[in-house]
Amino acid sequence: MRLDKYLKLSRVIKRRTVANELCDNQKVKVNDKLVKAHYDIKVGDSICITYGDKNITHLVMDIPYESRNKKK
């Protein structure tokens, strides 16, 4: 699942466009590496977001259910 979509579905960030902007402005790191919004997250990834004057750290424990129902 894309990073921006995960952040929205897991309610870490309220809107996907905000998640995209944070990634474009190099405010999001996964496992201590700067990533783009299209980064494919996996269970166990550590996400660190610099949002305003706050640093948010989030550990991916599970991928939201909505993405599992998609047909490939």
N, C-alpha and C. Protein backbone atom coordinates (compact mmCIF):
# COMPACT_ATOMS: atom_id res chain seq x y z
N MET A 1 0.84 -1.16 0.00
CA MET A 1 0.00 0.00 0.00
C MET A 1 0.90 1.24 0.00
N ARG A 2 0.48 2.25 -0.75
CA ARG A 2 1.21 3.51 -0.80
C ARG A 2 1.25 4.17 0.57
N LEU A 3 2.35 4.84 0.84
CA LEU A 3 2.52 5.51 2.12
C LEU A 3 1.45 6.56 2.37
N ASP A 4 1.15 7.40 1.38
CA ASP A 4 0.15 8.45 1.59
C ASP A 4 -1.23 7.88 1.89
N LYS A 5 -1.59 6.81 1.22
CA LYS A 5 -2.88 6.17 1.47
C LYS A 5 -2.92 5.53 2.86
N TYR A 6 -1.81 4.90 3.25
CA TYR A 6 -1.74 4.29 4.57
C TYR A 6 -1.91 5.34 5.67
N LEU A 7 -1.23 6.47 5.53
CA LEU A 7 -1.31 7.52 6.54
C LEU A 7 -2.74 8.02 6.70
N LYS A 8 -3.46 8.10 5.60
CA LYS A 8 -4.85 8.55 5.65
C LYS A 8 -5.76 7.48 6.26
N LEU A 9 -5.65 6.25 5.79
CA LEU A 9 -6.53 5.18 6.27
C LEU A 9 -6.27 4.82 7.73
N SER A 10 -5.04 4.96 8.17
CA SER A 10 -4.74 4.66 9.57
C SER A 10 -5.00 5.87 10.48
N ARG A 11 -5.41 6.97 9.88
CA ARG A 11 -5.77 8.22 10.57
C ARG A 11 -4.61 8.89 11.28
N VAL A 12 -3.41 8.66 10.79
CA VAL A 12 -2.25 9.38 11.29
C VAL A 12 -2.32 10.81 10.75
N ILE A 13 -2.70 10.94 9.47
CA ILE A 13 -2.92 12.23 8.80
C ILE A 13 -4.36 12.23 8.29
N LYS A 14 -5.07 13.35 8.44
CA LYS A 14 -6.49 13.37 8.11
C LYS A 14 -6.77 13.33 6.61
N ARG A 15 -5.91 13.95 5.79
CA ARG A 15 -6.17 13.99 4.35
C ARG A 15 -4.97 13.47 3.58
N ARG A 16 -5.26 12.75 2.50
CA ARG A 16 -4.20 12.18 1.68
C ARG A 16 -3.36 13.27 1.00
N THR A 17 -3.99 14.39 0.64
CA THR A 17 -3.24 15.48 0.02
C THR A 17 -2.21 16.06 0.99
N VAL A 18 -2.55 16.12 2.27
CA VAL A 18 -1.60 16.60 3.27
C VAL A 18 -0.45 15.61 3.39
N ALA A 19 -0.75 14.33 3.37
CA ALA A 19 0.30 13.31 3.43
C ALA A 19 1.23 13.43 2.21
N ASN A 20 0.65 13.68 1.03
CA ASN A 20 1.46 13.89 -0.18
C ASN A 20 2.37 15.09 -0.04
N GLU A 21 1.84 16.21 0.48
CA GLU A 21 2.63 17.42 0.65
C GLU A 21 3.78 17.20 1.63
N LEU A 22 3.52 16.48 2.71
CA LEU A 22 4.58 16.20 3.68
C LEU A 22 5.70 15.39 3.04
N CYS A 23 5.33 14.41 2.23
CA CYS A 23 6.34 13.59 1.54
C CYS A 23 7.12 14.43 0.53
N ASP A 24 6.41 15.29 -0.22
CA ASP A 24 7.07 16.14 -1.22
C ASP A 24 8.05 17.12 -0.56
N ASN A 25 7.73 17.56 0.65
CA ASN A 25 8.58 18.51 1.37
C ASN A 25 9.61 17.82 2.26
N GLN A 26 9.83 16.55 2.05
CA GLN A 26 10.83 15.75 2.76
C GLN A 26 10.63 15.80 4.27
N LYS A 27 9.40 15.61 4.71
CA LYS A 27 9.06 15.62 6.13
C LYS A 27 8.75 14.22 6.65
N VAL A 28 8.83 13.19 5.76
CA VAL A 28 8.48 11.83 6.15
C VAL A 28 9.66 10.90 5.93
N LYS A 29 10.00 10.13 6.97
CA LYS A 29 11.05 9.12 6.87
C LYS A 29 10.45 7.77 7.23
N VAL A 30 10.87 6.75 6.50
CA VAL A 30 10.51 5.38 6.84
C VAL A 30 11.82 4.64 7.07
N ASN A 31 11.93 4.06 8.25
CA ASN A 31 13.17 3.37 8.65
C ASN A 31 14.38 4.29 8.47
N ASP A 32 14.24 5.56 8.88
CA ASP A 32 15.30 6.57 8.84
C ASP A 32 15.76 6.96 7.44
N LYS A 33 14.91 6.75 6.42
CA LYS A 33 15.22 7.18 5.06
C LYS A 33 14.09 8.06 4.56
N LEU A 34 14.44 9.19 3.93
CA LEU A 34 13.41 10.05 3.33
C LEU A 34 12.74 9.28 2.19
N VAL A 35 11.42 9.36 2.13
CA VAL A 35 10.67 8.61 1.12
C VAL A 35 9.65 9.52 0.44
N LYS A 36 9.18 9.07 -0.71
CA LYS A 36 8.13 9.75 -1.46
C LYS A 36 6.78 9.11 -1.10
N ALA A 37 5.71 9.75 -1.53
CA ALA A 37 4.36 9.28 -1.22
C ALA A 37 4.06 7.91 -1.81
N HIS A 38 4.73 7.54 -2.88
CA HIS A 38 4.45 6.25 -3.53
C HIS A 38 5.20 5.08 -2.89
N TYR A 39 5.96 5.34 -1.85
CA TYR A 39 6.70 4.27 -1.16
C TYR A 39 5.73 3.18 -0.70
N ASP A 40 6.08 1.93 -0.93
CA ASP A 40 5.23 0.79 -0.56
C ASP A 40 5.58 0.35 0.86
N ILE A 41 4.68 0.63 1.80
CA ILE A 41 4.95 0.29 3.20
C ILE A 41 4.72 -1.19 3.46
N LYS A 42 5.39 -1.67 4.51
CA LYS A 42 5.27 -3.07 4.92
C LYS A 42 5.09 -3.12 6.43
N VAL A 43 4.56 -4.22 6.92
CA VAL A 43 4.42 -4.41 8.36
C VAL A 43 5.82 -4.38 8.98
N GLY A 44 5.95 -3.63 10.07
CA GLY A 44 7.23 -3.51 10.76
C GLY A 44 7.98 -2.23 10.44
N ASP A 45 7.52 -1.48 9.41
CA ASP A 45 8.17 -0.21 9.07
C ASP A 45 7.92 0.81 10.18
N SER A 46 8.90 1.66 10.42
CA SER A 46 8.79 2.74 11.38
C SER A 46 8.70 4.05 10.60
N ILE A 47 7.62 4.79 10.79
CA ILE A 47 7.38 6.04 10.07
C ILE A 47 7.60 7.20 11.03
N CYS A 48 8.41 8.16 10.63
CA CYS A 48 8.66 9.37 11.43
C CYS A 48 8.23 10.57 10.59
N ILE A 49 7.31 11.38 11.12
CA ILE A 49 6.76 12.52 10.41
C ILE A 49 7.07 13.79 11.19
N THR A 50 7.61 14.79 10.50
CA THR A 50 7.80 16.12 11.09
C THR A 50 6.63 16.96 10.60
N TYR A 51 5.74 17.30 11.53
CA TYR A 51 4.50 17.99 11.19
C TYR A 51 4.40 19.24 12.05
N GLY A 52 4.70 20.40 11.45
CA GLY A 52 4.75 21.63 12.23
C GLY A 52 5.92 21.56 13.19
N ASP A 53 5.65 21.77 14.47
CA ASP A 53 6.72 21.67 15.46
C ASP A 53 6.71 20.33 16.19
N LYS A 54 5.93 19.37 15.68
CA LYS A 54 5.82 18.04 16.30
C LYS A 54 6.56 16.99 15.47
N ASN A 55 7.07 15.99 16.15
CA ASN A 55 7.60 14.79 15.50
C ASN A 55 6.69 13.63 15.89
N ILE A 56 6.14 12.96 14.89
CA ILE A 56 5.24 11.84 15.12
C ILE A 56 5.95 10.58 14.67
N THR A 57 6.02 9.59 15.54
CA THR A 57 6.59 8.30 15.18
C THR A 57 5.48 7.26 15.22
N HIS A 58 5.42 6.44 14.17
CA HIS A 58 4.34 5.47 14.03
C HIS A 58 4.95 4.15 13.54
N LEU A 59 4.60 3.06 14.20
CA LEU A 59 5.06 1.74 13.79
C LEU A 59 3.94 1.03 13.07
N VAL A 60 4.21 0.51 11.88
CA VAL A 60 3.19 -0.19 11.09
C VAL A 60 3.02 -1.60 11.66
N MET A 61 1.88 -1.83 12.30
CA MET A 61 1.59 -3.14 12.87
C MET A 61 0.74 -4.00 11.93
N ASP A 62 -0.06 -3.33 11.09
CA ASP A 62 -0.97 -4.03 10.19
C ASP A 62 -1.33 -3.08 9.05
N ILE A 63 -1.62 -3.66 7.90
CA ILE A 63 -2.09 -2.87 6.76
C ILE A 63 -3.61 -2.80 6.86
N PRO A 64 -4.21 -1.60 6.73
CA PRO A 64 -5.68 -1.48 6.84
C PRO A 64 -6.42 -2.44 5.92
N TYR A 65 -7.54 -2.91 6.39
CA TYR A 65 -8.32 -3.95 5.73
C TYR A 65 -8.74 -3.58 4.31
N GLU A 66 -9.05 -2.32 4.06
CA GLU A 66 -9.55 -1.90 2.75
C GLU A 66 -8.63 -2.30 1.62
N SER A 67 -7.32 -2.24 1.83
CA SER A 67 -6.39 -2.56 0.75
C SER A 67 -6.32 -4.06 0.46
N ARG A 68 -6.70 -4.88 1.41
CA ARG A 68 -6.63 -6.33 1.22
C ARG A 68 -7.75 -6.84 0.32
N ASN A 69 -8.84 -6.10 0.20
CA ASN A 69 -9.97 -6.55 -0.60
C ASN A 69 -9.82 -6.26 -2.09
N LYS A 70 -8.81 -5.49 -2.47
CA LYS A 70 -8.64 -5.16 -3.88
C LYS A 70 -8.27 -6.38 -4.69
N LYS A 71 -8.86 -6.46 -5.88
CA LYS A 71 -8.49 -7.53 -6.80
C LYS A 71 -7.27 -7.10 -7.58
N LYS A 72 -6.35 -8.02 -7.76
CA LYS A 72 -5.12 -7.69 -8.51
C LYS A 72 -5.20 -8.18 -9.93
